[in-house]
Amino acid sequence: MKIQSASLDVPGGCPNNCKFCVTELWKKGDLPMLKNAFDFKSEDFELTKTAFRERLLYLRQHDVDTLVFTGSASEALFNKKYLEMFKEVNNSLGNDKFINIELQTSGVMLIENLIFVEMLGVKTISLSLASLDTDINFEIMQTPEKLRNWNITDLCYSIKEAGGFNLRLSLNINVTGFHEYSDLRQAIAKVPSYSKLVNRCQELGADQITFRKLYSTGEDGDVTNWINSNKMDDAWWAFLNEYITDNGRPLNRLPFGSMKYSILGMSTVIDEDCMAKEGAKEDLKYMILRRNCRLYSEWDDPASLVF
């Protein structure tokens, strides 16, 4: 069994209230994986830290070499104690420690914490965006006014100027956020709307682009209703696939099935299954070390417990 990467579900809150939030679709009831085991004042905390170390070691013993700081409706940078603990435990693994570390973030509070992020050993910053227009992005992510003190262009330039980071733009594709690239008549008429989108990513300094299809459970609710009103239709995705295959060069196929292409010096991937729900899986897209200090293979199903 191959595992492409491991995600750390960093416990904490999220300042945003994204209209497409995946976690809000499944975060129901008293789910065991959402209980925070990392009480730094607890008398048993050393036992928790040992359990955490064992699970990191398990991942390394299964040849997982990429680790991502992310969260269930949480922004990793809002829990620095946890991240500092990770650094301590990871370093204790010696030659088995993770060195290919990523941060998945909405960008909130990132500029002022770039030195801290680099100190953690992060090599790639995956910036999750609902639009390349800063104001529209803030509105869709419902970022608090007091935290709207940055813009996407300056943030991307700051990440690249820091020198030690790769920049991935993880684009949560939706009609409101990417309306200027959503007119199918442009694609049919061969107007280069996709080219315009890719060129803008290059201008921002992206090393990698992920086009992410919005996920929905189909259950009624505000998140599902917003997604249903704002998801790009299948024809848009088909034209995007055609654009990438026509204009890109295949690099390699990822363990979860998607092909990675080279376009304008950037690696480009279409992620149509962000929750890894499609089909029987011999290989895993990711494994998740949850905030209850247990490993799972799926975000929303406690039955996916590994140990």
C-alpha atoms as a PDB file:
ATOM      1  CA  MET A   1       0.000   0.000   0.000  1.00  0.00           C
ATOM      2  CA  LYS A   2       1.311   3.418  -0.988  1.00  0.00           C
ATOM      3  CA  ILE A   3       0.388   6.538   0.960  1.00  0.00           C
ATOM      4  CA  GLN A   4       0.968   9.787  -0.911  1.00  0.00           C
ATOM      5  CA  SER A   5       1.147  12.064   2.137  1.00  0.00           C
ATOM      6  CA  ALA A   6       0.203  12.529   5.776  1.00  0.00           C
ATOM      7  CA  SER A   7      -1.919  15.365   7.126  1.00  0.00           C
ATOM      8  CA  LEU A   8      -1.681  16.723  10.649  1.00  0.00           C
ATOM      9  CA  ASP A   9      -5.083  17.851  11.888  1.00  0.00           C
ATOM     10  CA  VAL A  10      -3.796  20.771  13.948  1.00  0.00           C
ATOM     11  CA  PRO A  11      -6.320  21.427  16.745  1.00  0.00           C
ATOM     12  CA  GLY A  12      -7.682  24.909  17.089  1.00  0.00           C
ATOM     13  CA  GLY A  13     -10.151  27.314  15.582  1.00  0.00           C
ATOM     14  CA  CYS A  14     -10.510  28.904  12.182  1.00  0.00           C
ATOM     15  CA  PRO A  15     -10.989  32.652  11.777  1.00  0.00           C
ATOM     16  CA  ASN A  16     -12.809  32.104   8.483  1.00  0.00           C
ATOM     17  CA  ASN A  17     -16.270  30.742   7.839  1.00  0.00           C
ATOM     18  CA  CYS A  18     -15.868  29.531   4.261  1.00  0.00           C
ATOM     19  CA  LYS A  19     -19.098  29.168   2.335  1.00  0.00           C
ATOM     20  CA  PHE A  20     -17.805  25.887   0.860  1.00  0.00           C
ATOM     21  CA  CYS A  21     -16.249  24.464   4.064  1.00  0.00           C
ATOM     22  CA  VAL A  22     -15.915  20.685   3.733  1.00  0.00           C
ATOM     23  CA  THR A  23     -15.681  20.145   7.484  1.00  0.00           C
ATOM     24  CA  GLU A  24     -19.074  21.756   8.068  1.00  0.00           C
ATOM     25  CA  LEU A  25     -20.622  19.060   5.884  1.00  0.00           C
ATOM     26  CA  TRP A  26     -19.551  16.160   8.099  1.00  0.00           C
ATOM     27  CA  LYS A  27     -18.824  17.675  11.526  1.00  0.00           C
ATOM     28  CA  LYS A  28     -21.925  16.301  13.222  1.00  0.00           C
ATOM     29  CA  GLY A  29     -22.357  14.761  16.656  1.00  0.00           C
ATOM     30  CA  ASP A  30     -19.703  13.678  19.117  1.00  0.00           C
ATOM     31  CA  LEU A  31     -17.058  12.417  16.708  1.00  0.00           C
ATOM     32  CA  PRO A  32     -14.056  10.822  18.467  1.00  0.00           C
ATOM     33  CA  MET A  33     -11.474  12.224  16.039  1.00  0.00           C
ATOM     34  CA  LEU A  34     -12.464  15.798  16.919  1.00  0.00           C
ATOM     35  CA  LYS A  35     -11.594  15.443  20.605  1.00  0.00           C
ATOM     36  CA  ASN A  36      -8.385  17.329  21.315  1.00  0.00           C
ATOM     37  CA  ALA A  37      -5.888  15.102  23.132  1.00  0.00           C
ATOM     38  CA  PHE A  38      -3.169  17.763  23.166  1.00  0.00           C
ATOM     39  CA  ASP A  39      -3.661  19.363  26.559  1.00  0.00           C
ATOM     40  CA  PHE A  40      -0.241  20.839  27.251  1.00  0.00           C
ATOM     41  CA  LYS A  41      -1.047  21.296  30.961  1.00  0.00           C
ATOM     42  CA  SER A  42      -2.176  17.713  31.497  1.00  0.00           C
ATOM     43  CA  GLU A  43      -0.168  15.397  33.762  1.00  0.00           C
ATOM     44  CA  ASP A  44      -0.469  12.765  31.036  1.00  0.00           C
ATOM     45  CA  PHE A  45       0.849  14.983  28.263  1.00  0.00           C
ATOM     46  CA  GLU A  46       4.167  13.099  27.993  1.00  0.00           C
ATOM     47  CA  LEU A  47       2.165   9.936  27.228  1.00  0.00           C
ATOM     48  CA  THR A  48       0.301  11.814  24.513  1.00  0.00           C
ATOM     49  CA  LYS A  49       3.581  13.056  23.088  1.00  0.00           C
ATOM     50  CA  THR A  50       4.935   9.493  23.037  1.00  0.00           C
ATOM     51  CA  ALA A  51       1.826   8.294  21.195  1.00  0.00           C
ATOM     52  CA  PHE A  52       2.233  11.167  18.739  1.00  0.00           C
ATOM     53  CA  ARG A  53       5.874  10.225  18.132  1.00  0.00           C
ATOM     54  CA  GLU A  54       4.969   6.572  17.519  1.00  0.00           C
ATOM     55  CA  ARG A  55       2.441   7.536  14.875  1.00  0.00           C
ATOM     56  CA  LEU A  56       4.897   9.811  13.105  1.00  0.00           C
ATOM     57  CA  LEU A  57       7.379   6.936  13.128  1.00  0.00           C
ATOM     58  CA  TYR A  58       4.706   4.563  11.771  1.00  0.00           C
ATOM     59  CA  LEU A  59       4.132   6.902   8.841  1.00  0.00           C
ATOM     60  CA  ARG A  60       7.859   7.087   8.097  1.00  0.00           C
ATOM     61  CA  GLN A  61       8.132   3.273   8.328  1.00  0.00           C
ATOM     62  CA  HIS A  62       5.449   3.137   5.616  1.00  0.00           C
ATOM     63  CA  ASP A  63       7.565   5.388   3.386  1.00  0.00           C
ATOM     64  CA  VAL A  64       5.427   8.497   3.806  1.00  0.00           C
ATOM     65  CA  ASP A  65       7.788  11.364   3.064  1.00  0.00           C
ATOM     66  CA  THR A  66       5.404  14.342   2.831  1.00  0.00           C
ATOM     67  CA  LEU A  67       3.628  15.830   5.823  1.00  0.00           C
ATOM     68  CA  VAL A  68       1.022  18.628   5.662  1.00  0.00           C
ATOM     69  CA  PHE A  69      -0.049  20.989   8.457  1.00  0.00           C
ATOM     70  CA  THR A  70      -3.786  21.461   7.985  1.00  0.00           C
ATOM     71  CA  GLY A  71      -6.949  21.127  10.069  1.00  0.00           C
ATOM     72  CA  SER A  72     -10.638  20.357  10.489  1.00  0.00           C
ATOM     73  CA  ALA A  73     -12.115  23.860  10.308  1.00  0.00           C
ATOM     74  CA  SER A  74      -8.902  25.137  11.864  1.00  0.00           C
ATOM     75  CA  GLU A  75      -5.993  27.277  10.742  1.00  0.00           C
ATOM     76  CA  ALA A  76      -2.694  25.625  11.722  1.00  0.00           C
ATOM     77  CA  LEU A  77      -0.894  28.875  12.534  1.00  0.00           C
ATOM     78  CA  PHE A  78      -3.399  29.598  15.297  1.00  0.00           C
ATOM     79  CA  ASN A  79      -1.877  26.812  17.427  1.00  0.00           C
ATOM     80  CA  LYS A  80       1.833  27.538  17.659  1.00  0.00           C
ATOM     81  CA  LYS A  81       2.302  25.361  20.759  1.00  0.00           C
ATOM     82  CA  TYR A  82       1.234  22.297  18.800  1.00  0.00           C
ATOM     83  CA  LEU A  83       3.510  23.189  15.878  1.00  0.00           C
ATOM     84  CA  GLU A  84       6.469  23.724  18.212  1.00  0.00           C
ATOM     85  CA  MET A  85       5.739  20.355  19.826  1.00  0.00           C
ATOM     86  CA  PHE A  86       5.722  18.761  16.375  1.00  0.00           C
ATOM     87  CA  LYS A  87       9.145  20.232  15.631  1.00  0.00           C
ATOM     88  CA  GLU A  88      10.536  18.841  18.898  1.00  0.00           C
ATOM     89  CA  VAL A  89       9.090  15.365  18.339  1.00  0.00           C
ATOM     90  CA  ASN A  90       9.999  15.295  14.661  1.00  0.00           C
ATOM     91  CA  ASN A  91      13.621  16.181  15.443  1.00  0.00           C
ATOM     92  CA  SER A  92      13.695  13.330  17.969  1.00  0.00           C
ATOM     93  CA  LEU A  93      13.182  10.898  15.072  1.00  0.00           C
ATOM     94  CA  GLY A  94      16.722  11.586  13.866  1.00  0.00           C
ATOM     95  CA  ASN A  95      17.300  10.257  10.368  1.00  0.00           C
ATOM     96  CA  ASP A  96      13.625   9.250  10.183  1.00  0.00           C
ATOM     97  CA  LYS A  97      12.292  12.771  10.663  1.00  0.00           C
ATOM     98  CA  PHE A  98      10.033  14.447   8.106  1.00  0.00           C
ATOM     99  CA  ILE A  99      11.848  16.994   5.983  1.00  0.00           C
ATOM    100  CA  ASN A 100       9.284  17.510   3.187  1.00  0.00           C
ATOM    101  CA  ILE A 101       6.766  19.550   5.183  1.00  0.00           C
ATOM    102  CA  GLU A 102       3.887  21.609   3.800  1.00  0.00           C
ATOM    103  CA  LEU A 103       1.536  24.196   5.263  1.00  0.00           C
ATOM    104  CA  GLN A 104      -2.045  24.324   3.982  1.00  0.00           C
ATOM    105  CA  THR A 105      -3.393  27.779   4.789  1.00  0.00           C
ATOM    106  CA  SER A 106      -5.963  30.392   3.812  1.00  0.00           C
ATOM    107  CA  GLY A 107      -3.221  33.005   4.178  1.00  0.00           C
ATOM    108  CA  VAL A 108      -4.614  34.654   7.311  1.00  0.00           C
ATOM    109  CA  MET A 109      -1.795  35.792   9.640  1.00  0.00           C
ATOM    110  CA  LEU A 110       0.793  34.266   7.298  1.00  0.00           C
ATOM    111  CA  ILE A 111       2.921  37.266   6.275  1.00  0.00           C
ATOM    112  CA  GLU A 112       3.813  38.091   9.878  1.00  0.00           C
ATOM    113  CA  ASN A 113       4.626  34.437  10.607  1.00  0.00           C
ATOM    114  CA  LEU A 114       6.797  33.471   7.635  1.00  0.00           C
ATOM    115  CA  ILE A 115       9.960  33.261   9.763  1.00  0.00           C
ATOM    116  CA  PHE A 116       8.161  31.001  12.251  1.00  0.00           C
ATOM    117  CA  VAL A 117       6.888  28.800   9.407  1.00  0.00           C
ATOM    118  CA  GLU A 118      10.391  28.458   7.980  1.00  0.00           C
ATOM    119  CA  MET A 119      11.732  27.596  11.449  1.00  0.00           C
ATOM    120  CA  LEU A 120       9.264  24.683  11.563  1.00  0.00           C
ATOM    121  CA  GLY A 121      10.908  23.222   8.468  1.00  0.00           C
ATOM    122  CA  VAL A 122       8.075  24.006   6.045  1.00  0.00           C
ATOM    123  CA  LYS A 123       9.221  23.754   2.432  1.00  0.00           C
ATOM    124  CA  THR A 124       5.931  24.270   0.559  1.00  0.00           C
ATOM    125  CA  ILE A 125       3.134  26.706   1.332  1.00  0.00           C
ATOM    126  CA  SER A 126      -0.164  25.629  -0.178  1.00  0.00           C
ATOM    127  CA  LEU A 127      -2.337  28.725  -0.349  1.00  0.00           C
ATOM    128  CA  SER A 128      -6.016  27.766  -0.431  1.00  0.00           C
ATOM    129  CA  LEU A 129      -8.004  30.388  -2.330  1.00  0.00           C
ATOM    130  CA  ALA A 130     -11.616  30.796  -3.406  1.00  0.00           C
ATOM    131  CA  SER A 131     -10.677  33.534  -5.871  1.00  0.00           C
ATOM    132  CA  LEU A 132      -7.602  35.317  -7.192  1.00  0.00           C
ATOM    133  CA  ASP A 133      -9.410  38.588  -6.458  1.00  0.00           C
ATOM    134  CA  THR A 134      -8.572  39.467  -2.840  1.00  0.00           C
ATOM    135  CA  ASP A 135     -11.909  41.084  -1.952  1.00  0.00           C
ATOM    136  CA  ILE A 136     -13.991  38.297  -3.497  1.00  0.00           C
ATOM    137  CA  ASN A 137     -11.781  35.730  -1.763  1.00  0.00           C
ATOM    138  CA  PHE A 138     -12.382  37.399   1.618  1.00  0.00           C
ATOM    139  CA  GLU A 139     -16.137  37.501   1.009  1.00  0.00           C
ATOM    140  CA  ILE A 140     -16.393  33.822   0.083  1.00  0.00           C
ATOM    141  CA  MET A 141     -14.169  32.782   2.982  1.00  0.00           C
ATOM    142  CA  GLN A 142     -15.999  35.261   5.238  1.00  0.00           C
ATOM    143  CA  THR A 143     -12.724  36.403   6.765  1.00  0.00           C
ATOM    144  CA  PRO A 144     -13.188  38.795   9.715  1.00  0.00           C
ATOM    145  CA  GLU A 145     -12.650  42.450   8.780  1.00  0.00           C
ATOM    146  CA  LYS A 146      -9.781  42.860  11.251  1.00  0.00           C
ATOM    147  CA  LEU A 147      -7.839  40.081   9.494  1.00  0.00           C
ATOM    148  CA  ARG A 148      -8.270  41.487   5.976  1.00  0.00           C
ATOM    149  CA  ASN A 149      -4.973  43.348   6.221  1.00  0.00           C
ATOM    150  CA  TRP A 150      -3.250  41.673   3.270  1.00  0.00           C
ATOM    151  CA  ASN A 151      -3.798  40.987  -0.405  1.00  0.00           C
ATOM    152  CA  ILE A 152      -3.088  37.924  -2.494  1.00  0.00           C
ATOM    153  CA  THR A 153      -0.438  39.528  -4.707  1.00  0.00           C
ATOM    154  CA  ASP A 154       1.652  40.864  -1.815  1.00  0.00           C
ATOM    155  CA  LEU A 155       1.310  37.598   0.101  1.00  0.00           C
ATOM    156  CA  CYS A 156       2.496  35.489  -2.840  1.00  0.00           C
ATOM    157  CA  TYR A 157       5.423  37.830  -3.455  1.00  0.00           C
ATOM    158  CA  SER A 158       6.355  37.719   0.254  1.00  0.00           C
ATOM    159  CA  ILE A 159       6.299  33.909   0.221  1.00  0.00           C
ATOM    160  CA  LYS A 160       8.605  33.812  -2.785  1.00  0.00           C
ATOM    161  CA  GLU A 161      10.886  36.561  -1.502  1.00  0.00           C
ATOM    162  CA  ALA A 162      11.400  34.623   1.724  1.00  0.00           C
ATOM    163  CA  GLY A 163      13.536  32.346  -0.421  1.00  0.00           C
ATOM    164  CA  GLY A 164      12.979  28.994   1.233  1.00  0.00           C
ATOM    165  CA  PHE A 165       9.449  28.195   0.109  1.00  0.00           C
ATOM    166  CA  ASN A 166       7.729  26.579  -2.834  1.00  0.00           C
ATOM    167  CA  LEU A 167       4.314  28.134  -3.552  1.00  0.00           C
ATOM    168  CA  ARG A 168       1.307  26.043  -4.468  1.00  0.00           C
ATOM    169  CA  LEU A 169      -1.948  27.775  -5.351  1.00  0.00           C
ATOM    170  CA  SER A 170      -4.806  25.465  -4.347  1.00  0.00           C
ATOM    171  CA  LEU A 171      -7.755  26.945  -6.191  1.00  0.00           C
ATOM    172  CA  ASN A 172     -11.206  26.026  -4.874  1.00  0.00           C
ATOM    173  CA  ILE A 173     -12.966  26.509  -8.183  1.00  0.00           C
ATOM    174  CA  ASN A 174     -16.367  28.205  -7.997  1.00  0.00           C
ATOM    175  CA  VAL A 175     -18.410  30.455 -10.269  1.00  0.00           C
ATOM    176  CA  THR A 176     -18.418  33.493  -7.940  1.00  0.00           C
ATOM    177  CA  GLY A 177     -14.674  33.452  -7.358  1.00  0.00           C
ATOM    178  CA  PHE A 178     -13.581  32.581 -10.877  1.00  0.00           C
ATOM    179  CA  HIS A 179     -16.422  34.124 -12.874  1.00  0.00           C
ATOM    180  CA  GLU A 180     -14.118  35.673 -15.478  1.00  0.00           C
ATOM    181  CA  TYR A 181     -12.891  32.173 -16.361  1.00  0.00           C
ATOM    182  CA  SER A 182     -16.296  30.448 -16.179  1.00  0.00           C
ATOM    183  CA  ASP A 183     -17.971  31.408 -19.469  1.00  0.00           C
ATOM    184  CA  LEU A 184     -18.183  28.239 -21.548  1.00  0.00           C
ATOM    185  CA  ARG A 185     -18.830  30.299 -24.667  1.00  0.00           C
ATOM    186  CA  GLN A 186     -15.263  31.600 -24.342  1.00  0.00           C
ATOM    187  CA  ALA A 187     -13.883  28.072 -24.172  1.00  0.00           C
ATOM    188  CA  ILE A 188     -15.944  26.896 -27.127  1.00  0.00           C
ATOM    189  CA  ALA A 189     -14.829  29.918 -29.136  1.00  0.00           C
ATOM    190  CA  LYS A 190     -11.200  29.110 -28.179  1.00  0.00           C
ATOM    191  CA  VAL A 191     -10.899  32.366 -26.241  1.00  0.00           C
ATOM    192  CA  PRO A 192      -7.975  31.691 -23.881  1.00  0.00           C
ATOM    193  CA  SER A 193      -9.772  32.034 -20.507  1.00  0.00           C
ATOM    194  CA  TYR A 194      -7.873  29.049 -19.083  1.00  0.00           C
ATOM    195  CA  SER A 195      -4.646  30.472 -20.397  1.00  0.00           C
ATOM    196  CA  LYS A 196      -5.470  33.745 -18.642  1.00  0.00           C
ATOM    197  CA  LEU A 197      -5.981  31.884 -15.353  1.00  0.00           C
ATOM    198  CA  VAL A 198      -2.742  29.916 -15.649  1.00  0.00           C
ATOM    199  CA  ASN A 199      -0.809  33.033 -16.655  1.00  0.00           C
ATOM    200  CA  ARG A 200      -2.111  34.859 -13.585  1.00  0.00           C
ATOM    201  CA  CYS A 201      -0.863  32.024 -11.369  1.00  0.00           C
ATOM    202  CA  GLN A 202       2.536  32.325 -13.017  1.00  0.00           C
ATOM    203  CA  GLU A 203       2.546  36.095 -12.374  1.00  0.00           C
ATOM    204  CA  LEU A 204       1.933  35.371  -8.677  1.00  0.00           C
ATOM    205  CA  GLY A 205       5.046  33.186  -8.602  1.00  0.00           C
ATOM    206  CA  ALA A 206       3.337  29.808  -8.276  1.00  0.00           C
ATOM    207  CA  ASP A 207       5.485  26.713  -8.561  1.00  0.00           C
ATOM    208  CA  GLN A 208       2.446  24.452  -8.482  1.00  0.00           C
ATOM    209  CA  ILE A 209      -1.284  24.768  -9.190  1.00  0.00           C
ATOM    210  CA  THR A 210      -4.052  22.512  -7.938  1.00  0.00           C
ATOM    211  CA  PHE A 211      -7.521  22.976  -9.419  1.00  0.00           C
ATOM    212  CA  ARG A 212      -9.846  21.645  -6.736  1.00  0.00           C
ATOM    213  CA  LYS A 213     -13.422  20.611  -7.418  1.00  0.00           C
ATOM    214  CA  LEU A 214     -15.800  21.541  -4.584  1.00  0.00           C
ATOM    215  CA  TYR A 215     -16.965  18.591  -2.500  1.00  0.00           C
ATOM    216  CA  SER A 216     -20.536  18.126  -1.318  1.00  0.00           C
ATOM    217  CA  THR A 217     -22.395  15.375   0.521  1.00  0.00           C
ATOM    218  CA  GLY A 218     -25.672  16.381  -1.108  1.00  0.00           C
ATOM    219  CA  GLU A 219     -27.343  16.961   2.241  1.00  0.00           C
ATOM    220  CA  ASP A 220     -29.452  20.086   2.599  1.00  0.00           C
ATOM    221  CA  GLY A 221     -27.819  23.057   4.311  1.00  0.00           C
ATOM    222  CA  ASP A 222     -26.172  26.420   3.700  1.00  0.00           C
ATOM    223  CA  VAL A 223     -22.839  24.948   2.569  1.00  0.00           C
ATOM    224  CA  THR A 224     -24.425  22.460   0.168  1.00  0.00           C
ATOM    225  CA  ASN A 225     -26.785  25.074  -1.221  1.00  0.00           C
ATOM    226  CA  TRP A 226     -23.912  27.493  -1.842  1.00  0.00           C
ATOM    227  CA  ILE A 227     -21.845  24.789  -3.528  1.00  0.00           C
ATOM    228  CA  ASN A 228     -24.750  23.731  -5.741  1.00  0.00           C
ATOM    229  CA  SER A 229     -25.231  27.355  -6.820  1.00  0.00           C
ATOM    230  CA  ASN A 230     -21.532  28.002  -7.407  1.00  0.00           C
ATOM    231  CA  LYS A 231     -19.932  24.800  -8.679  1.00  0.00           C
ATOM    232  CA  MET A 232     -18.539  24.794 -12.184  1.00  0.00           C
ATOM    233  CA  ASP A 233     -20.402  22.371 -14.418  1.00  0.00           C
ATOM    234  CA  ASP A 234     -18.898  19.245 -15.918  1.00  0.00           C
ATOM    235  CA  ALA A 235     -18.347  20.916 -19.285  1.00  0.00           C
ATOM    236  CA  TRP A 236     -16.044  23.540 -17.707  1.00  0.00           C
ATOM    237  CA  TRP A 237     -13.937  20.801 -16.134  1.00  0.00           C
ATOM    238  CA  ALA A 238     -13.867  18.873 -19.411  1.00  0.00           C
ATOM    239  CA  PHE A 239     -12.550  21.943 -21.245  1.00  0.00           C
ATOM    240  CA  LEU A 240      -9.979  22.497 -18.472  1.00  0.00           C
ATOM    241  CA  ASN A 241      -8.780  18.915 -18.877  1.00  0.00           C
ATOM    242  CA  GLU A 242      -8.539  19.465 -22.621  1.00  0.00           C
ATOM    243  CA  TYR A 243      -6.595  22.707 -22.160  1.00  0.00           C
ATOM    244  CA  ILE A 244      -4.094  21.074 -19.786  1.00  0.00           C
ATOM    245  CA  THR A 245      -3.547  17.974 -21.923  1.00  0.00           C
ATOM    246  CA  ASP A 246      -3.205  20.086 -25.087  1.00  0.00           C
ATOM    247  CA  ASN A 247      -0.855  22.655 -23.571  1.00  0.00           C
ATOM    248  CA  GLY A 248       0.972  20.724 -20.864  1.00  0.00           C
ATOM    249  CA  ARG A 249       3.566  17.994 -20.759  1.00  0.00           C
ATOM    250  CA  PRO A 250       2.813  14.915 -18.616  1.00  0.00           C
ATOM    251  CA  LEU A 251       5.165  14.581 -15.660  1.00  0.00           C
ATOM    252  CA  ASN A 252       3.901  11.642 -13.611  1.00  0.00           C
ATOM    253  CA  ARG A 253       0.750  10.061 -12.273  1.00  0.00           C
ATOM    254  CA  LEU A 254       0.078  10.573  -8.567  1.00  0.00           C
ATOM    255  CA  PRO A 255      -0.855   7.618  -6.331  1.00  0.00           C
ATOM    256  CA  PHE A 256      -4.509   8.730  -6.174  1.00  0.00           C
ATOM    257  CA  GLY A 257      -4.780   8.678  -9.966  1.00  0.00           C
ATOM    258  CA  SER A 258      -4.467  12.279 -11.137  1.00  0.00           C
ATOM    259  CA  MET A 259      -1.849  13.122 -13.741  1.00  0.00           C
ATOM    260  CA  LYS A 260       0.586  15.950 -13.057  1.00  0.00           C
ATOM    261  CA  TYR A 261       1.391  18.185 -16.005  1.00  0.00           C
ATOM    262  CA  SER A 262       4.034  20.844 -16.658  1.00  0.00           C
ATOM    263  CA  ILE A 263       2.653  24.166 -17.921  1.00  0.00           C
ATOM    264  CA  LEU A 264       4.747  27.340 -18.080  1.00  0.00           C
ATOM    265  CA  GLY A 265       7.218  25.776 -15.654  1.00  0.00           C
ATOM    266  CA  MET A 266       4.507  25.000 -13.067  1.00  0.00           C
ATOM    267  CA  SER A 267       3.258  21.564 -12.073  1.00  0.00           C
ATOM    268  CA  THR A 268      -0.494  21.419 -12.579  1.00  0.00           C
ATOM    269  CA  VAL A 269      -2.991  18.951 -11.106  1.00  0.00           C
ATOM    270  CA  ILE A 270      -6.780  18.647 -11.237  1.00  0.00           C
ATOM    271  CA  ASP A 271      -8.184  17.321  -7.971  1.00  0.00           C
ATOM    272  CA  GLU A 272     -11.745  16.171  -8.600  1.00  0.00           C
ATOM    273  CA  ASP A 273     -11.912  14.071  -5.414  1.00  0.00           C
ATOM    274  CA  CYS A 274     -10.509  16.122  -2.533  1.00  0.00           C
ATOM    275  CA  MET A 275     -12.096  13.831   0.075  1.00  0.00           C
ATOM    276  CA  ALA A 276     -10.721  10.677  -1.634  1.00  0.00           C
ATOM    277  CA  LYS A 277     -14.109   9.006  -1.906  1.00  0.00           C
ATOM    278  CA  GLU A 278     -13.984   7.537  -5.392  1.00  0.00           C
ATOM    279  CA  GLY A 279     -13.646   3.800  -5.830  1.00  0.00           C
ATOM    280  CA  ALA A 280     -11.918   1.043  -3.890  1.00  0.00           C
ATOM    281  CA  LYS A 281      -8.448   2.149  -2.883  1.00  0.00           C
ATOM    282  CA  GLU A 282      -5.350  -0.019  -2.715  1.00  0.00           C
ATOM    283  CA  ASP A 283      -3.236   3.122  -2.424  1.00  0.00           C
ATOM    284  CA  LEU A 284      -4.162   6.046  -0.185  1.00  0.00           C
ATOM    285  CA  LYS A 285      -4.174   9.710  -1.133  1.00  0.00           C
ATOM    286  CA  TYR A 286      -3.338  10.545   2.472  1.00  0.00           C
ATOM    287  CA  MET A 287      -3.410   9.391   6.057  1.00  0.00           C
ATOM    288  CA  ILE A 288      -4.481  11.797   8.798  1.00  0.00           C
ATOM    289  CA  LEU A 289      -3.042  12.144  12.287  1.00  0.00           C
ATOM    290  CA  ARG A 290      -6.074  13.602  14.007  1.00  0.00           C
ATOM    291  CA  ARG A 291      -6.323  15.851  17.041  1.00  0.00           C
ATOM    292  CA  ASN A 292      -7.251  12.832  19.198  1.00  0.00           C
ATOM    293  CA  CYS A 293      -3.754  11.467  18.384  1.00  0.00           C
ATOM    294  CA  ARG A 294      -5.054   8.604  16.243  1.00  0.00           C
ATOM    295  CA  LEU A 295      -4.370   7.798  12.601  1.00  0.00           C
ATOM    296  CA  TYR A 296      -7.236   7.650  10.089  1.00  0.00           C
ATOM    297  CA  SER A 297      -7.438   7.152   6.344  1.00  0.00           C
ATOM    298  CA  GLU A 298     -10.521   9.369   5.842  1.00  0.00           C
ATOM    299  CA  TRP A 299     -11.475  12.722   7.298  1.00  0.00           C
ATOM    300  CA  ASP A 300     -15.150  12.079   7.966  1.00  0.00           C
ATOM    301  CA  ASP A 301     -15.445   8.400   8.864  1.00  0.00           C
ATOM    302  CA  PRO A 302     -14.348   7.097  12.315  1.00  0.00           C
ATOM    303  CA  ALA A 303     -14.370   3.593  10.834  1.00  0.00           C
ATOM    304  CA  SER A 304     -11.226   4.521   8.890  1.00  0.00           C
ATOM    305  CA  LEU A 305      -9.192   4.322  12.105  1.00  0.00           C
ATOM    306  CA  VAL A 306      -5.773   2.728  11.556  1.00  0.00           C
ATOM    307  CA  PHE A 307      -4.541   2.855  15.150  1.00  0.00           C
END
